[in-house]
Amino acid sequence: MRRAWPDTMKIVPSDITPYEKYLSRRTLLAGGLGLAAAAGLSGLTRTAQAQTATGAALTYTHNAEYSVTDPPNSFKDISTYNNYYEFGTDKSDPSENAQKFQTRPWTVVIGGECEAPGTLALDDLLKPHPLEERIYRMRCVEAWSMIVPWVGFPLADLIKRFKPTSKAKYVEFKTLMDPKQMPGERGSVLDWPYTEGLRMDEAMNPLAFMTVGLYGKVLPNQNGAPLRLITPWKYGFKGIKAIVSLRFVERMPVTTWAKSAPSEYGFYANVNPAVDHPRWSQATERHIGSSLFDQRRPTLPFNGYANQVASLYTGMDLKTYF
């Protein structure tokens, strides 16, 4: 049974500015440009979008095998409509509050049940991994979606490098804890630092992706720079950002949202239209950037990636392990 919403929570997703309200605000401020963004900027090519993206260009190859064929959202959509509570709870807060966030120097600590633990600078962590672009369909638990051209490398490649032992059943990730740079961490809306985790077979799945870029350039701060996780068959809150720690553990990690609201946010967080959030349906979704008058579209099981990941959950009751 899912429990009622905990009284101790100070903010719930329904308290956060919905997209339509956010968009109307931007429209008023920008003299109608917000509606152009909502229409998807269909006249712009991906090359033009990459030129719009900020940051240093990355060298990468496009991976068509793991990319959807849908046109990606505009860079503006992707970089200004974000959930990133370390920088605020409104969708526009991360793009406004993360600009001075320092992502260099950056180190990642790898430990736990592995044969080759260590602390590595980000550049040393990336050196063995050729970068590739994957265009993933992303789904948020608040019933909205985007198509995003991420640049990064398979998580499995990173895991193999550190030789986890037979005791390593899960991978635990942590975000940087730095309230001076991350104003959201000064409050108690969540239990900081942000913690996430995957079962080992999930982490080794080819779809699991360590991301360092967007639209061919270095990842913007508001999108999780310098290193974030992408698991496109799961809801967006699994995509932990600004990763500083990766540990191989024997027991299931206590993850941030599952701890804060266990009746609403489970460890697995697989996209499942048959399991509603207690306060809204997950059966349909609105694609960010589409017309406000478009009808909602059906949510796909495992966000459309069932062929690649459904076998991971054979025999599990996904209404219980949500």
C-alpha atoms as a PDB file:
ATOM      1  CA  MET A   1       0.000   0.000   0.000  1.00  0.00           C
ATOM      2  CA  ARG A   2       1.201   3.490  -0.763  1.00  0.00           C
ATOM      3  CA  ARG A   3       1.116   5.739   2.231  1.00  0.00           C
ATOM      4  CA  ALA A   4      -0.431   9.178   2.420  1.00  0.00           C
ATOM      5  CA  TRP A   5       1.708  12.220   1.651  1.00  0.00           C
ATOM      6  CA  PRO A   6       4.064  12.870   4.589  1.00  0.00           C
ATOM      7  CA  ASP A   7       3.117  15.936   6.617  1.00  0.00           C
ATOM      8  CA  THR A   8       6.769  16.865   7.010  1.00  0.00           C
ATOM      9  CA  MET A   9       7.258  17.642   3.337  1.00  0.00           C
ATOM     10  CA  LYS A  10       7.457  21.389   2.756  1.00  0.00           C
ATOM     11  CA  ILE A  11       7.149  21.356  -1.057  1.00  0.00           C
ATOM     12  CA  VAL A  12       5.377  19.000  -3.410  1.00  0.00           C
ATOM     13  CA  PRO A  13       5.528  18.979  -7.221  1.00  0.00           C
ATOM     14  CA  SER A  14       2.024  20.415  -7.438  1.00  0.00           C
ATOM     15  CA  ASP A  15       3.317  23.522  -5.665  1.00  0.00           C
ATOM     16  CA  ILE A  16       5.851  24.130  -8.434  1.00  0.00           C
ATOM     17  CA  THR A  17       5.010  26.381 -11.360  1.00  0.00           C
ATOM     18  CA  PRO A  18       3.307  24.295 -14.075  1.00  0.00           C
ATOM     19  CA  TYR A  19       4.582  24.638 -17.611  1.00  0.00           C
ATOM     20  CA  GLU A  20       1.552  26.542 -18.903  1.00  0.00           C
ATOM     21  CA  LYS A  21       1.861  29.174 -16.170  1.00  0.00           C
ATOM     22  CA  TYR A  22       5.630  29.387 -16.654  1.00  0.00           C
ATOM     23  CA  LEU A  23       5.188  29.765 -20.384  1.00  0.00           C
ATOM     24  CA  SER A  24       2.575  32.508 -20.069  1.00  0.00           C
ATOM     25  CA  ARG A  25       4.877  34.429 -17.745  1.00  0.00           C
ATOM     26  CA  ARG A  26       7.742  34.164 -20.220  1.00  0.00           C
ATOM     27  CA  THR A  27       5.426  35.235 -23.020  1.00  0.00           C
ATOM     28  CA  LEU A  28       4.417  38.405 -21.220  1.00  0.00           C
ATOM     29  CA  LEU A  29       8.032  39.245 -20.467  1.00  0.00           C
ATOM     30  CA  ALA A  30       9.346  38.442 -23.911  1.00  0.00           C
ATOM     31  CA  GLY A  31       6.557  39.905 -26.012  1.00  0.00           C
ATOM     32  CA  GLY A  32       5.330  36.588 -27.369  1.00  0.00           C
ATOM     33  CA  LEU A  33       8.636  34.773 -27.821  1.00  0.00           C
ATOM     34  CA  GLY A  34       7.539  32.180 -25.300  1.00  0.00           C
ATOM     35  CA  LEU A  35       4.817  30.988 -27.652  1.00  0.00           C
ATOM     36  CA  ALA A  36       7.378  30.569 -30.411  1.00  0.00           C
ATOM     37  CA  ALA A  37       9.387  28.373 -28.065  1.00  0.00           C
ATOM     38  CA  ALA A  38       6.230  26.422 -27.235  1.00  0.00           C
ATOM     39  CA  ALA A  39       5.684  25.757 -30.924  1.00  0.00           C
ATOM     40  CA  GLY A  40       8.937  23.785 -30.905  1.00  0.00           C
ATOM     41  CA  LEU A  41      11.069  26.170 -33.008  1.00  0.00           C
ATOM     42  CA  SER A  42      10.397  23.763 -35.846  1.00  0.00           C
ATOM     43  CA  GLY A  43      12.174  25.947 -38.404  1.00  0.00           C
ATOM     44  CA  LEU A  44      15.561  25.552 -36.713  1.00  0.00           C
ATOM     45  CA  THR A  45      17.829  22.679 -37.636  1.00  0.00           C
ATOM     46  CA  ARG A  46      19.854  20.707 -35.122  1.00  0.00           C
ATOM     47  CA  THR A  47      22.965  22.496 -36.396  1.00  0.00           C
ATOM     48  CA  ALA A  48      21.405  25.848 -35.617  1.00  0.00           C
ATOM     49  CA  GLN A  49      20.427  24.585 -32.188  1.00  0.00           C
ATOM     50  CA  ALA A  50      23.988  23.456 -31.523  1.00  0.00           C
ATOM     51  CA  GLN A  51      25.160  26.943 -32.432  1.00  0.00           C
ATOM     52  CA  THR A  52      22.642  28.328 -29.943  1.00  0.00           C
ATOM     53  CA  ALA A  53      24.018  26.089 -27.197  1.00  0.00           C
ATOM     54  CA  THR A  54      26.716  27.645 -25.041  1.00  0.00           C
ATOM     55  CA  GLY A  55      29.989  26.116 -23.861  1.00  0.00           C
ATOM     56  CA  ALA A  56      32.927  24.392 -25.482  1.00  0.00           C
ATOM     57  CA  ALA A  57      32.299  22.065 -28.421  1.00  0.00           C
ATOM     58  CA  LEU A  58      32.799  18.325 -27.850  1.00  0.00           C
ATOM     59  CA  THR A  59      34.174  15.678 -30.190  1.00  0.00           C
ATOM     60  CA  TYR A  60      31.720  12.802 -30.481  1.00  0.00           C
ATOM     61  CA  THR A  61      30.034  10.346 -32.831  1.00  0.00           C
ATOM     62  CA  HIS A  62      26.285   9.939 -33.231  1.00  0.00           C
ATOM     63  CA  ASN A  63      24.895   6.623 -31.955  1.00  0.00           C
ATOM     64  CA  ALA A  64      21.830   5.887 -34.091  1.00  0.00           C
ATOM     65  CA  GLU A  65      21.177   2.508 -32.417  1.00  0.00           C
ATOM     66  CA  TYR A  66      20.154   4.120 -29.138  1.00  0.00           C
ATOM     67  CA  SER A  67      18.643   7.321 -30.540  1.00  0.00           C
ATOM     68  CA  VAL A  68      14.973   8.028 -31.176  1.00  0.00           C
ATOM     69  CA  THR A  69      14.010   9.496 -34.529  1.00  0.00           C
ATOM     70  CA  ASP A  70      11.827  12.261 -33.067  1.00  0.00           C
ATOM     71  CA  PRO A  71      13.191  15.798 -33.555  1.00  0.00           C
ATOM     72  CA  PRO A  72      14.912  17.047 -30.379  1.00  0.00           C
ATOM     73  CA  ASN A  73      13.502  19.857 -28.308  1.00  0.00           C
ATOM     74  CA  SER A  74      15.097  23.247 -28.773  1.00  0.00           C
ATOM     75  CA  PHE A  75      18.103  24.140 -26.671  1.00  0.00           C
ATOM     76  CA  LYS A  76      15.951  26.821 -25.049  1.00  0.00           C
ATOM     77  CA  ASP A  77      13.341  24.278 -23.986  1.00  0.00           C
ATOM     78  CA  ILE A  78      15.939  21.932 -22.552  1.00  0.00           C
ATOM     79  CA  SER A  79      18.014  24.568 -20.756  1.00  0.00           C
ATOM     80  CA  THR A  80      15.258  26.724 -19.214  1.00  0.00           C
ATOM     81  CA  TYR A  81      12.673  24.184 -18.013  1.00  0.00           C
ATOM     82  CA  ASN A  82      14.401  22.049 -15.389  1.00  0.00           C
ATOM     83  CA  ASN A  83      13.928  20.187 -12.133  1.00  0.00           C
ATOM     84  CA  TYR A  84      17.086  20.796 -10.098  1.00  0.00           C
ATOM     85  CA  TYR A  85      16.184  21.557  -6.496  1.00  0.00           C
ATOM     86  CA  GLU A  86      19.766  22.397  -5.531  1.00  0.00           C
ATOM     87  CA  PHE A  87      19.164  25.627  -7.456  1.00  0.00           C
ATOM     88  CA  GLY A  88      15.496  26.187  -6.636  1.00  0.00           C
ATOM     89  CA  THR A  89      12.104  24.545  -6.953  1.00  0.00           C
ATOM     90  CA  ASP A  90      10.635  26.612  -9.806  1.00  0.00           C
ATOM     91  CA  LYS A  91      11.333  25.323 -13.323  1.00  0.00           C
ATOM     92  CA  SER A  92      13.151  28.529 -14.281  1.00  0.00           C
ATOM     93  CA  ASP A  93      15.289  28.684 -11.105  1.00  0.00           C
ATOM     94  CA  PRO A  94      18.171  26.440 -12.291  1.00  0.00           C
ATOM     95  CA  SER A  95      18.850  28.465 -15.431  1.00  0.00           C
ATOM     96  CA  GLU A  96      18.787  31.657 -13.376  1.00  0.00           C
ATOM     97  CA  ASN A  97      20.695  30.468 -10.291  1.00  0.00           C
ATOM     98  CA  ALA A  98      23.305  28.046 -11.649  1.00  0.00           C
ATOM     99  CA  GLN A  99      25.259  30.313 -13.982  1.00  0.00           C
ATOM    100  CA  LYS A 100      28.136  30.914 -11.540  1.00  0.00           C
ATOM    101  CA  PHE A 101      28.346  27.291 -10.413  1.00  0.00           C
ATOM    102  CA  GLN A 102      31.992  26.150 -10.633  1.00  0.00           C
ATOM    103  CA  THR A 103      32.461  22.826 -12.400  1.00  0.00           C
ATOM    104  CA  ARG A 104      36.275  22.889 -12.552  1.00  0.00           C
ATOM    105  CA  PRO A 105      38.249  21.501 -10.862  1.00  0.00           C
ATOM    106  CA  TRP A 106      35.993  18.472 -10.301  1.00  0.00           C
ATOM    107  CA  THR A 107      36.733  15.101  -8.761  1.00  0.00           C
ATOM    108  CA  VAL A 108      34.696  11.922  -8.418  1.00  0.00           C
ATOM    109  CA  VAL A 109      35.232   9.424  -5.593  1.00  0.00           C
ATOM    110  CA  ILE A 110      34.733   5.761  -6.530  1.00  0.00           C
ATOM    111  CA  GLY A 111      34.557   3.250  -3.713  1.00  0.00           C
ATOM    112  CA  GLY A 112      32.702   0.485  -1.950  1.00  0.00           C
ATOM    113  CA  GLU A 113      32.729  -3.109  -3.139  1.00  0.00           C
ATOM    114  CA  CYS A 114      35.281  -2.837  -5.936  1.00  0.00           C
ATOM    115  CA  GLU A 115      38.882  -3.826  -6.595  1.00  0.00           C
ATOM    116  CA  ALA A 116      40.061  -0.475  -7.947  1.00  0.00           C
ATOM    117  CA  PRO A 117      38.670   2.367  -5.809  1.00  0.00           C
ATOM    118  CA  GLY A 118      40.033   5.862  -6.131  1.00  0.00           C
ATOM    119  CA  THR A 119      39.502   9.577  -6.504  1.00  0.00           C
ATOM    120  CA  LEU A 120      39.851  10.882 -10.022  1.00  0.00           C
ATOM    121  CA  ALA A 121      39.748  14.305 -11.591  1.00  0.00           C
ATOM    122  CA  LEU A 122      36.928  14.529 -14.097  1.00  0.00           C
ATOM    123  CA  ASP A 123      39.270  14.835 -17.077  1.00  0.00           C
ATOM    124  CA  ASP A 124      41.095  11.648 -16.028  1.00  0.00           C
ATOM    125  CA  LEU A 125      37.752   9.928 -15.534  1.00  0.00           C
ATOM    126  CA  LEU A 126      36.721  10.792 -19.092  1.00  0.00           C
ATOM    127  CA  LYS A 127      39.959   9.987 -20.941  1.00  0.00           C
ATOM    128  CA  PRO A 128      39.303   6.284 -21.687  1.00  0.00           C
ATOM    129  CA  HIS A 129      35.749   6.903 -22.899  1.00  0.00           C
ATOM    130  CA  PRO A 130      35.036   8.062 -26.480  1.00  0.00           C
ATOM    131  CA  LEU A 131      32.020  10.359 -26.424  1.00  0.00           C
ATOM    132  CA  GLU A 132      28.852   9.692 -28.361  1.00  0.00           C
ATOM    133  CA  GLU A 133      25.570  11.484 -28.899  1.00  0.00           C
ATOM    134  CA  ARG A 134      22.291   9.755 -28.089  1.00  0.00           C
ATOM    135  CA  ILE A 135      18.912  11.358 -28.648  1.00  0.00           C
ATOM    136  CA  TYR A 136      16.797  10.095 -25.765  1.00  0.00           C
ATOM    137  CA  ARG A 137      13.129  10.474 -24.922  1.00  0.00           C
ATOM    138  CA  MET A 138      12.960  11.833 -21.361  1.00  0.00           C
ATOM    139  CA  ARG A 139       9.897  11.534 -19.126  1.00  0.00           C
ATOM    140  CA  CYS A 140       9.201  13.443 -15.897  1.00  0.00           C
ATOM    141  CA  VAL A 141       6.989  12.149 -13.102  1.00  0.00           C
ATOM    142  CA  GLU A 142       5.012  15.388 -13.426  1.00  0.00           C
ATOM    143  CA  ALA A 143       3.623  14.052 -16.733  1.00  0.00           C
ATOM    144  CA  TRP A 144       5.763  16.001 -19.210  1.00  0.00           C
ATOM    145  CA  SER A 145       8.389  14.861 -21.674  1.00  0.00           C
ATOM    146  CA  MET A 146      11.220  16.090 -23.904  1.00  0.00           C
ATOM    147  CA  ILE A 147      13.521  14.738 -26.614  1.00  0.00           C
ATOM    148  CA  VAL A 148      17.138  15.553 -25.682  1.00  0.00           C
ATOM    149  CA  PRO A 149      20.418  15.062 -27.627  1.00  0.00           C
ATOM    150  CA  TRP A 150      22.803  14.086 -24.827  1.00  0.00           C
ATOM    151  CA  VAL A 151      26.546  13.550 -25.274  1.00  0.00           C
ATOM    152  CA  GLY A 152      28.389  11.108 -23.011  1.00  0.00           C
ATOM    153  CA  PHE A 153      29.413   7.468 -22.641  1.00  0.00           C
ATOM    154  CA  PRO A 154      27.870   4.217 -21.327  1.00  0.00           C
ATOM    155  CA  LEU A 155      27.805   3.855 -17.548  1.00  0.00           C
ATOM    156  CA  ALA A 156      28.817   0.208 -18.016  1.00  0.00           C
ATOM    157  CA  ASP A 157      32.172   1.295 -19.427  1.00  0.00           C
ATOM    158  CA  LEU A 158      32.870   3.300 -16.284  1.00  0.00           C
ATOM    159  CA  ILE A 159      31.772   0.500 -13.957  1.00  0.00           C
ATOM    160  CA  LYS A 160      34.027  -2.077 -15.612  1.00  0.00           C
ATOM    161  CA  ARG A 161      36.997   0.169 -15.067  1.00  0.00           C
ATOM    162  CA  PHE A 162      36.711  -0.096 -11.278  1.00  0.00           C
ATOM    163  CA  LYS A 163      36.102  -3.864 -11.136  1.00  0.00           C
ATOM    164  CA  PRO A 164      33.152  -4.280  -8.767  1.00  0.00           C
ATOM    165  CA  THR A 165      33.211  -7.459  -6.684  1.00  0.00           C
ATOM    166  CA  SER A 166      30.485 -10.086  -6.376  1.00  0.00           C
ATOM    167  CA  LYS A 167      29.134  -8.186  -3.350  1.00  0.00           C
ATOM    168  CA  ALA A 168      28.273  -5.172  -5.503  1.00  0.00           C
ATOM    169  CA  LYS A 169      24.521  -5.492  -6.055  1.00  0.00           C
ATOM    170  CA  TYR A 170      23.792  -1.767  -6.481  1.00  0.00           C
ATOM    171  CA  VAL A 171      25.494   1.459  -7.535  1.00  0.00           C
ATOM    172  CA  GLU A 172      24.935   4.524  -5.339  1.00  0.00           C
ATOM    173  CA  PHE A 173      25.469   8.058  -6.644  1.00  0.00           C
ATOM    174  CA  LYS A 174      25.715  11.349  -4.747  1.00  0.00           C
ATOM    175  CA  THR A 175      25.523  14.983  -5.850  1.00  0.00           C
ATOM    176  CA  LEU A 176      27.902  17.688  -4.637  1.00  0.00           C
ATOM    177  CA  MET A 177      27.009  19.167  -1.244  1.00  0.00           C
ATOM    178  CA  ASP A 178      27.922  22.869  -1.428  1.00  0.00           C
ATOM    179  CA  PRO A 179      25.273  25.245  -0.033  1.00  0.00           C
ATOM    180  CA  LYS A 180      27.427  28.263  -0.882  1.00  0.00           C
ATOM    181  CA  GLN A 181      27.078  27.493  -4.585  1.00  0.00           C
ATOM    182  CA  MET A 182      23.772  25.626  -4.480  1.00  0.00           C
ATOM    183  CA  PRO A 183      21.231  27.853  -2.739  1.00  0.00           C
ATOM    184  CA  GLY A 184      18.571  25.145  -2.609  1.00  0.00           C
ATOM    185  CA  GLU A 185      20.759  23.095  -0.282  1.00  0.00           C
ATOM    186  CA  ARG A 186      20.438  25.810   2.357  1.00  0.00           C
ATOM    187  CA  GLY A 187      16.828  24.761   2.861  1.00  0.00           C
ATOM    188  CA  SER A 188      15.242  21.511   4.004  1.00  0.00           C
ATOM    189  CA  VAL A 189      12.973  20.723   1.078  1.00  0.00           C
ATOM    190  CA  LEU A 190      15.019  17.512   0.614  1.00  0.00           C
ATOM    191  CA  ASP A 191      17.583  15.612   2.654  1.00  0.00           C
ATOM    192  CA  TRP A 192      20.896  16.679   1.109  1.00  0.00           C
ATOM    193  CA  PRO A 193      23.085  15.637  -0.562  1.00  0.00           C
ATOM    194  CA  TYR A 194      20.932  14.219  -3.335  1.00  0.00           C
ATOM    195  CA  THR A 195      21.369  10.444  -3.521  1.00  0.00           C
ATOM    196  CA  GLU A 196      20.318   8.013  -6.222  1.00  0.00           C
ATOM    197  CA  GLY A 197      20.964   4.405  -7.118  1.00  0.00           C
ATOM    198  CA  LEU A 198      20.572   1.621  -9.638  1.00  0.00           C
ATOM    199  CA  ARG A 199      20.566  -2.125  -9.381  1.00  0.00           C
ATOM    200  CA  MET A 200      23.767  -3.459 -10.927  1.00  0.00           C
ATOM    201  CA  ASP A 201      22.062  -5.024 -13.937  1.00  0.00           C
ATOM    202  CA  GLU A 202      20.260  -1.720 -14.593  1.00  0.00           C
ATOM    203  CA  ALA A 203      23.535   0.157 -14.389  1.00  0.00           C
ATOM    204  CA  MET A 204      25.150  -2.247 -16.856  1.00  0.00           C
ATOM    205  CA  ASN A 205      22.328  -1.922 -19.386  1.00  0.00           C
ATOM    206  CA  PRO A 206      23.543  -0.230 -22.581  1.00  0.00           C
ATOM    207  CA  LEU A 207      20.923   2.524 -22.252  1.00  0.00           C
ATOM    208  CA  ALA A 208      22.330   3.827 -18.934  1.00  0.00           C
ATOM    209  CA  PHE A 209      24.412   6.853 -19.870  1.00  0.00           C
ATOM    210  CA  MET A 210      26.900   9.155 -18.144  1.00  0.00           C
ATOM    211  CA  THR A 211      26.344  12.563 -19.687  1.00  0.00           C
ATOM    212  CA  VAL A 212      28.793  15.452 -20.106  1.00  0.00           C
ATOM    213  CA  GLY A 213      27.231  17.368 -22.993  1.00  0.00           C
ATOM    214  CA  LEU A 214      24.093  18.631 -24.700  1.00  0.00           C
ATOM    215  CA  TYR A 215      23.618  19.566 -28.361  1.00  0.00           C
ATOM    216  CA  GLY A 216      27.278  18.803 -29.013  1.00  0.00           C
ATOM    217  CA  LYS A 217      28.656  21.148 -26.369  1.00  0.00           C
ATOM    218  CA  VAL A 218      29.644  20.964 -22.715  1.00  0.00           C
ATOM    219  CA  LEU A 219      26.659  20.366 -20.458  1.00  0.00           C
ATOM    220  CA  PRO A 220      25.093  23.585 -19.128  1.00  0.00           C
ATOM    221  CA  ASN A 221      25.167  24.005 -15.362  1.00  0.00           C
ATOM    222  CA  GLN A 222      21.385  23.888 -15.073  1.00  0.00           C
ATOM    223  CA  ASN A 223      21.323  20.524 -16.844  1.00  0.00           C
ATOM    224  CA  GLY A 224      23.671  18.829 -14.396  1.00  0.00           C
ATOM    225  CA  ALA A 225      27.231  19.808 -15.327  1.00  0.00           C
ATOM    226  CA  PRO A 226      29.797  18.517 -15.292  1.00  0.00           C
ATOM    227  CA  LEU A 227      28.601  14.897 -14.962  1.00  0.00           C
ATOM    228  CA  ARG A 228      25.085  13.473 -14.699  1.00  0.00           C
ATOM    229  CA  LEU A 229      23.271  10.178 -15.109  1.00  0.00           C
ATOM    230  CA  ILE A 230      20.629   9.439 -17.754  1.00  0.00           C
ATOM    231  CA  THR A 231      18.359   6.366 -17.574  1.00  0.00           C
ATOM    232  CA  PRO A 232      15.739   7.097 -20.248  1.00  0.00           C
ATOM    233  CA  TRP A 233      13.313   4.301 -19.298  1.00  0.00           C
ATOM    234  CA  LYS A 234      12.903   5.835 -15.831  1.00  0.00           C
ATOM    235  CA  TYR A 235      11.366   9.075 -14.566  1.00  0.00           C
ATOM    236  CA  GLY A 236      13.616  12.101 -14.603  1.00  0.00           C
ATOM    237  CA  PHE A 237      14.350  12.269 -10.874  1.00  0.00           C
ATOM    238  CA  LYS A 238      16.616   9.212 -11.297  1.00  0.00           C
ATOM    239  CA  GLY A 239      18.945  11.366 -13.431  1.00  0.00           C
ATOM    240  CA  ILE A 240      21.194  12.598 -10.647  1.00  0.00           C
ATOM    241  CA  LYS A 241      23.271  15.683 -11.503  1.00  0.00           C
ATOM    242  CA  ALA A 242      26.696  17.084 -10.529  1.00  0.00           C
ATOM    243  CA  ILE A 243      27.917  13.645  -9.460  1.00  0.00           C
ATOM    244  CA  VAL A 244      30.854  13.549  -7.019  1.00  0.00           C
ATOM    245  CA  SER A 245      30.556  10.013  -5.645  1.00  0.00           C
ATOM    246  CA  LEU A 246      29.924   6.549  -7.025  1.00  0.00           C
ATOM    247  CA  ARG A 247      29.870   3.582  -4.621  1.00  0.00           C
ATOM    248  CA  PHE A 248      29.275  -0.113  -5.203  1.00  0.00           C
ATOM    249  CA  VAL A 249      27.117  -1.439  -2.369  1.00  0.00           C
ATOM    250  CA  GLU A 250      25.486  -4.699  -1.308  1.00  0.00           C
ATOM    251  CA  ARG A 251      22.168  -3.219  -0.129  1.00  0.00           C
ATOM    252  CA  MET A 252      19.675  -1.030  -1.958  1.00  0.00           C
ATOM    253  CA  PRO A 253      20.626   2.634  -1.401  1.00  0.00           C
ATOM    254  CA  VAL A 254      18.177   4.934   0.368  1.00  0.00           C
ATOM    255  CA  THR A 255      17.491   7.408  -2.411  1.00  0.00           C
ATOM    256  CA  THR A 256      16.460  11.008  -1.865  1.00  0.00           C
ATOM    257  CA  TRP A 257      12.902  11.106  -3.224  1.00  0.00           C
ATOM    258  CA  ALA A 258      12.073   7.598  -2.002  1.00  0.00           C
ATOM    259  CA  LYS A 259      13.098   8.743   1.473  1.00  0.00           C
ATOM    260  CA  SER A 260      11.178  12.020   1.301  1.00  0.00           C
ATOM    261  CA  ALA A 261       7.926  10.603  -0.112  1.00  0.00           C
ATOM    262  CA  PRO A 262       8.054   6.789  -0.127  1.00  0.00           C
ATOM    263  CA  SER A 263       4.402   6.437  -1.130  1.00  0.00           C
ATOM    264  CA  GLU A 264       4.975   8.457  -4.294  1.00  0.00           C
ATOM    265  CA  TYR A 265       8.561   7.963  -5.482  1.00  0.00           C
ATOM    266  CA  GLY A 266       9.893   4.416  -5.513  1.00  0.00           C
ATOM    267  CA  PHE A 267      13.450   3.220  -5.967  1.00  0.00           C
ATOM    268  CA  TYR A 268      12.870   1.827  -9.450  1.00  0.00           C
ATOM    269  CA  ALA A 269      10.928   4.766 -10.938  1.00  0.00           C
ATOM    270  CA  ASN A 270      10.263   2.904 -14.193  1.00  0.00           C
ATOM    271  CA  VAL A 271       7.898   4.769 -16.498  1.00  0.00           C
ATOM    272  CA  ASN A 272       4.651   2.813 -16.163  1.00  0.00           C
ATOM    273  CA  PRO A 273       1.379   4.284 -17.463  1.00  0.00           C
ATOM    274  CA  ALA A 274      -0.535   1.638 -15.490  1.00  0.00           C
ATOM    275  CA  VAL A 275       0.667   3.014 -12.143  1.00  0.00           C
ATOM    276  CA  ASP A 276      -0.645   6.453 -11.281  1.00  0.00           C
ATOM    277  CA  HIS A 277       1.062   8.900  -9.031  1.00  0.00           C
ATOM    278  CA  PRO A 278      -1.265   9.194  -5.988  1.00  0.00           C
ATOM    279  CA  ARG A 279      -2.197  12.742  -6.996  1.00  0.00           C
ATOM    280  CA  TRP A 280      -2.293  12.551 -10.803  1.00  0.00           C
ATOM    281  CA  SER A 281      -2.399  10.114 -13.686  1.00  0.00           C
ATOM    282  CA  GLN A 282       0.737   8.951 -15.483  1.00  0.00           C
ATOM    283  CA  ALA A 283      -1.229   7.456 -18.387  1.00  0.00           C
ATOM    284  CA  THR A 284      -0.679  10.489 -20.623  1.00  0.00           C
ATOM    285  CA  GLU A 285       1.938  13.189 -20.997  1.00  0.00           C
ATOM    286  CA  ARG A 286       2.442  16.626 -22.518  1.00  0.00           C
ATOM    287  CA  HIS A 287       5.473  17.133 -24.703  1.00  0.00           C
ATOM    288  CA  ILE A 288       7.272  20.328 -23.729  1.00  0.00           C
ATOM    289  CA  GLY A 289       7.542  22.694 -26.678  1.00  0.00           C
ATOM    290  CA  SER A 290       4.337  21.554 -28.360  1.00  0.00           C
ATOM    291  CA  SER A 291       1.298  23.778 -28.788  1.00  0.00           C
ATOM    292  CA  LEU A 292      -0.664  24.423 -25.616  1.00  0.00           C
ATOM    293  CA  PHE A 293      -3.719  23.242 -27.548  1.00  0.00           C
ATOM    294  CA  ASP A 294      -2.266  19.859 -28.493  1.00  0.00           C
ATOM    295  CA  GLN A 295      -3.906  16.850 -26.935  1.00  0.00           C
ATOM    296  CA  ARG A 296      -1.926  14.876 -24.393  1.00  0.00           C
ATOM    297  CA  ARG A 297      -0.214  11.795 -25.787  1.00  0.00           C
ATOM    298  CA  PRO A 298      -0.227   8.289 -24.287  1.00  0.00           C
ATOM    299  CA  THR A 299       2.684   7.446 -22.021  1.00  0.00           C
ATOM    300  CA  LEU A 300       4.679   4.471 -23.303  1.00  0.00           C
ATOM    301  CA  PRO A 301       5.679   1.602 -20.971  1.00  0.00           C
ATOM    302  CA  PHE A 302       9.309   2.030 -19.976  1.00  0.00           C
ATOM    303  CA  ASN A 303       9.094   5.330 -21.879  1.00  0.00           C
ATOM    304  CA  GLY A 304       9.247   3.447 -25.175  1.00  0.00           C
ATOM    305  CA  TYR A 305      12.350   1.403 -24.282  1.00  0.00           C
ATOM    306  CA  ALA A 306      10.592  -1.837 -23.303  1.00  0.00           C
ATOM    307  CA  ASN A 307      12.497  -3.922 -25.863  1.00  0.00           C
ATOM    308  CA  GLN A 308      15.790  -2.996 -24.225  1.00  0.00           C
ATOM    309  CA  VAL A 309      14.884  -3.118 -20.519  1.00  0.00           C
ATOM    310  CA  ALA A 310      11.652  -5.017 -19.792  1.00  0.00           C
ATOM    311  CA  SER A 311      13.571  -8.261 -19.247  1.00  0.00           C
ATOM    312  CA  LEU A 312      15.322  -6.679 -16.249  1.00  0.00           C
ATOM    313  CA  TYR A 313      12.050  -6.829 -14.324  1.00  0.00           C
ATOM    314  CA  THR A 314      10.740 -10.267 -15.276  1.00  0.00           C
ATOM    315  CA  GLY A 315       8.650 -11.670 -12.421  1.00  0.00           C
ATOM    316  CA  MET A 316       8.482  -8.367 -10.517  1.00  0.00           C
ATOM    317  CA  ASP A 317       5.178  -6.734  -9.607  1.00  0.00           C
ATOM    318  CA  LEU A 318       5.794  -3.259 -11.016  1.00  0.00           C
ATOM    319  CA  LYS A 319       2.817  -1.854  -9.107  1.00  0.00           C
ATOM    320  CA  THR A 320       4.649  -2.773  -5.895  1.00  0.00           C
ATOM    321  CA  TYR A 321       8.192  -2.071  -7.064  1.00  0.00           C
ATOM    322  CA  PHE A 322       7.322   1.303  -8.562  1.00  0.00           C
END
